[in-house]
Each structure stands twice: as C-alpha cells, then as structure tokens.
C-alpha atoms as a PDB file:
ATOM      1  CA  MET A   1       0.005  -0.006  -0.003  1.00  0.00           C
ATOM      2  CA  LYS A   2       2.806   2.414   0.893  1.00  0.00           C
ATOM      3  CA  SER A   3       4.522   1.758  -2.419  1.00  0.00           C
ATOM      4  CA  ARG A   4       1.346   2.704  -4.314  1.00  0.00           C
ATOM      5  CA  ILE A   5       1.064   5.961  -2.387  1.00  0.00           C
ATOM      6  CA  VAL A   6       4.724   6.760  -2.984  1.00  0.00           C
ATOM      7  CA  SER A   7       4.372   5.898  -6.685  1.00  0.00           C
ATOM      8  CA  ALA A   8       1.288   8.094  -6.995  1.00  0.00           C
ATOM      9  CA  ALA A   9       3.095  10.976  -5.285  1.00  0.00           C
ATOM     10  CA  ILE A  10       6.067  10.629  -7.618  1.00  0.00           C
ATOM     11  CA  ILE A  11       3.826  10.594 -10.690  1.00  0.00           C
ATOM     12  CA  ALA A  12       1.856  13.615  -9.457  1.00  0.00           C
ATOM     13  CA  GLY A  13       5.056  15.507  -8.747  1.00  0.00           C
ATOM     14  CA  SER A  14       6.428  14.679 -12.178  1.00  0.00           C
ATOM     15  CA  LEU A  15       3.257  15.912 -13.862  1.00  0.00           C
ATOM     16  CA  LEU A  16       3.383  19.162 -11.892  1.00  0.00           C
ATOM     17  CA  ILE A  17       6.999  19.764 -12.913  1.00  0.00           C
ATOM     18  CA  ALA A  18       6.202  18.982 -16.550  1.00  0.00           C
ATOM     19  CA  THR A  19       3.218  21.338 -16.506  1.00  0.00           C
ATOM     20  CA  GLN A  20       5.271  24.138 -14.982  1.00  0.00           C
ATOM     21  CA  ALA A  21       8.045  23.600 -17.541  1.00  0.00           C
ATOM     22  CA  ASN A  22       5.521  23.945 -20.391  1.00  0.00           C
ATOM     23  CA  ALA A  23       3.745  26.933 -18.890  1.00  0.00           C
ATOM     24  CA  VAL A  24       4.128  30.204 -20.771  1.00  0.00           C
ATOM     25  CA  SER A  25       4.595  33.344 -18.725  1.00  0.00           C
ATOM     26  CA  GLY A  26       2.035  36.096 -18.825  1.00  0.00           C
ATOM     27  CA  LYS A  27       4.719  38.456 -20.097  1.00  0.00           C
ATOM     28  CA  ASP A  28       5.495  36.095 -22.989  1.00  0.00           C
ATOM     29  CA  VAL A  29       1.808  35.880 -23.947  1.00  0.00           C
ATOM     30  CA  TYR A  30       1.486  39.656 -23.710  1.00  0.00           C
ATOM     31  CA  GLU A  31       4.538  40.125 -25.923  1.00  0.00           C
ATOM     32  CA  SER A  32       3.343  37.617 -28.519  1.00  0.00           C
ATOM     33  CA  THR A  33      -0.348  38.494 -28.708  1.00  0.00           C
ATOM     34  CA  CYS A  34      -1.589  41.337 -26.547  1.00  0.00           C
ATOM     35  CA  VAL A  35       1.129  43.852 -27.394  1.00  0.00           C
ATOM     36  CA  ALA A  36      -0.370  44.519 -30.834  1.00  0.00           C
ATOM     37  CA  CYS A  37      -3.170  46.556 -29.279  1.00  0.00           C
ATOM     38  CA  HIS A  38      -2.193  47.125 -25.656  1.00  0.00           C
ATOM     39  CA  ALA A  39       1.150  48.760 -26.474  1.00  0.00           C
ATOM     40  CA  THR A  40      -0.373  51.308 -28.856  1.00  0.00           C
ATOM     41  CA  GLY A  41      -3.928  51.712 -27.621  1.00  0.00           C
ATOM     42  CA  ALA A  42      -5.273  50.459 -30.941  1.00  0.00           C
ATOM     43  CA  ALA A  43      -9.071  50.207 -31.097  1.00  0.00           C
ATOM     44  CA  GLY A  44      -9.326  51.744 -27.629  1.00  0.00           C
ATOM     45  CA  ALA A  45      -7.325  49.027 -25.867  1.00  0.00           C
ATOM     46  CA  PRO A  46      -5.926  50.306 -22.576  1.00  0.00           C
ATOM     47  CA  LYS A  47      -2.162  50.816 -22.911  1.00  0.00           C
ATOM     48  CA  LEU A  48      -0.054  48.697 -20.617  1.00  0.00           C
ATOM     49  CA  GLY A  49       1.020  50.733 -17.612  1.00  0.00           C
ATOM     50  CA  ASP A  50      -1.452  53.618 -18.101  1.00  0.00           C
ATOM     51  CA  LYS A  51      -2.737  53.699 -14.548  1.00  0.00           C
ATOM     52  CA  ALA A  52      -5.512  56.230 -15.223  1.00  0.00           C
ATOM     53  CA  VAL A  53      -7.010  54.204 -18.063  1.00  0.00           C
ATOM     54  CA  TRP A  54      -6.676  50.894 -16.200  1.00  0.00           C
ATOM     55  CA  ALA A  55      -8.158  52.170 -12.906  1.00  0.00           C
ATOM     56  CA  PRO A  56     -11.829  51.703 -13.839  1.00  0.00           C
ATOM     57  CA  ARG A  57     -11.079  48.274 -15.269  1.00  0.00           C
ATOM     58  CA  LEU A  58      -9.114  47.233 -12.191  1.00  0.00           C
ATOM     59  CA  SER A  59     -12.040  48.292 -10.011  1.00  0.00           C
ATOM     60  CA  THR A  60     -14.203  45.597 -11.680  1.00  0.00           C
ATOM     61  CA  GLY A  61     -11.875  42.923 -10.359  1.00  0.00           C
ATOM     62  CA  ALA A  62      -9.437  40.479 -11.922  1.00  0.00           C
ATOM     63  CA  ASP A  63     -12.084  37.810 -12.553  1.00  0.00           C
ATOM     64  CA  VAL A  64     -14.172  40.164 -14.681  1.00  0.00           C
ATOM     65  CA  MET A  65     -11.107  41.195 -16.657  1.00  0.00           C
ATOM     66  CA  ARG A  66     -10.043  37.590 -17.164  1.00  0.00           C
ATOM     67  CA  THR A  67     -13.510  36.679 -18.428  1.00  0.00           C
ATOM     68  CA  SER A  68     -13.454  39.614 -20.852  1.00  0.00           C
ATOM     69  CA  ALA A  69     -10.110  38.464 -22.233  1.00  0.00           C
ATOM     70  CA  LEU A  70     -11.245  34.860 -22.529  1.00  0.00           C
ATOM     71  CA  LYS A  71     -14.615  35.581 -24.129  1.00  0.00           C
ATOM     72  CA  GLY A  72     -13.862  38.846 -25.868  1.00  0.00           C
ATOM     73  CA  LYS A  73     -15.241  42.313 -25.250  1.00  0.00           C
ATOM     74  CA  GLY A  74     -16.152  45.035 -27.691  1.00  0.00           C
ATOM     75  CA  ILE A  75     -13.797  44.838 -30.637  1.00  0.00           C
ATOM     76  CA  MET A  76     -11.380  42.504 -28.818  1.00  0.00           C
ATOM     77  CA  PRO A  77     -11.996  38.930 -29.938  1.00  0.00           C
ATOM     78  CA  PRO A  78     -11.838  35.982 -27.517  1.00  0.00           C
ATOM     79  CA  LYS A  79      -8.291  35.318 -26.347  1.00  0.00           C
ATOM     80  CA  GLY A  80      -7.125  38.468 -28.106  1.00  0.00           C
ATOM     81  CA  GLY A  81      -7.620  36.733 -31.414  1.00  0.00           C
ATOM     82  CA  ASN A  82      -5.160  33.942 -30.643  1.00  0.00           C
ATOM     83  CA  SER A  83      -7.355  30.864 -30.339  1.00  0.00           C
ATOM     84  CA  GLY A  84      -4.242  28.717 -29.845  1.00  0.00           C
ATOM     85  CA  LEU A  85      -3.776  30.108 -26.345  1.00  0.00           C
ATOM     86  CA  SER A  86      -4.965  28.056 -23.417  1.00  0.00           C
ATOM     87  CA  ASP A  87      -7.257  29.671 -20.872  1.00  0.00           C
ATOM     88  CA  ALA A  88      -4.356  29.554 -18.396  1.00  0.00           C
ATOM     89  CA  ASP A  89      -2.128  31.457 -20.861  1.00  0.00           C
ATOM     90  CA  VAL A  90      -4.750  34.186 -21.303  1.00  0.00           C
ATOM     91  CA  ILE A  91      -5.263  34.468 -17.550  1.00  0.00           C
ATOM     92  CA  ALA A  92      -1.499  34.732 -17.048  1.00  0.00           C
ATOM     93  CA  ALA A  93      -1.365  37.558 -19.616  1.00  0.00           C
ATOM     94  CA  VAL A  94      -4.215  39.414 -17.929  1.00  0.00           C
ATOM     95  CA  ASP A  95      -2.527  39.012 -14.560  1.00  0.00           C
ATOM     96  CA  PHE A  96       0.717  40.349 -16.045  1.00  0.00           C
ATOM     97  CA  MET A  97      -1.074  43.385 -17.502  1.00  0.00           C
ATOM     98  CA  ILE A  98      -2.808  44.011 -14.178  1.00  0.00           C
ATOM     99  CA  SER A  99       0.505  43.873 -12.323  1.00  0.00           C
ATOM    100  CA  GLN A 100       2.027  46.393 -14.727  1.00  0.00           C
ATOM    101  CA  SER A 101      -0.922  48.769 -14.606  1.00  0.00           C
ATOM    102  CA  LYS A 102      -1.710  49.195 -10.907  1.00  0.00           C
END
C-alpha cells in the first residue's frame, strides 16, 4: 500500500513539474499576442502601464477582466484573437497586464 502511495506521489510531482516547464509566462503571452493593441492603444485598448485608463477596469476585479479576455469584449476577440492560447495562458497575460498597470 505504501509503495502505491509513494508511486502516486512521484507521478503527481512529475506531472506538476512537466506542467510548470511547459507553462508560458504572462509576459510572454502579452509580448506575442496582446502587445499589438495594448502597447499602442489600438481600437481603444488600454495601454499597458497607463494607470488612469486601467483604474476603472481594475475596479471591476481580476475575474471580470479575465472573463473579458477569454470571451472577448467590444472589438477585442476571444483570447485576443489567438485561439491557440490556453485559458491559463490568457489568464497569465491578464494578470501580467494588471501587475504592470496598478
């Protein structure tokens, strides 16, 4: 019984490490997808780091902002137009943009 528990723990740990190794950082996602609009303000996108423009969005809460990025809002398509991104990648990008815009 102990060997099964140890084996399961080793497998779970290996999967966690593999997942973390494959994870893309929010900054990387921003730089590959989001930057097209959020660096220039194209189509009314809030520019990264513009605290005044981000303030009303930040007041809605991170979950609302994540949902908007995942599902799209206004002219922004779901996942910023990059359907190849995982939900976790999009959330990481939103979290990165929030951290840079507080």
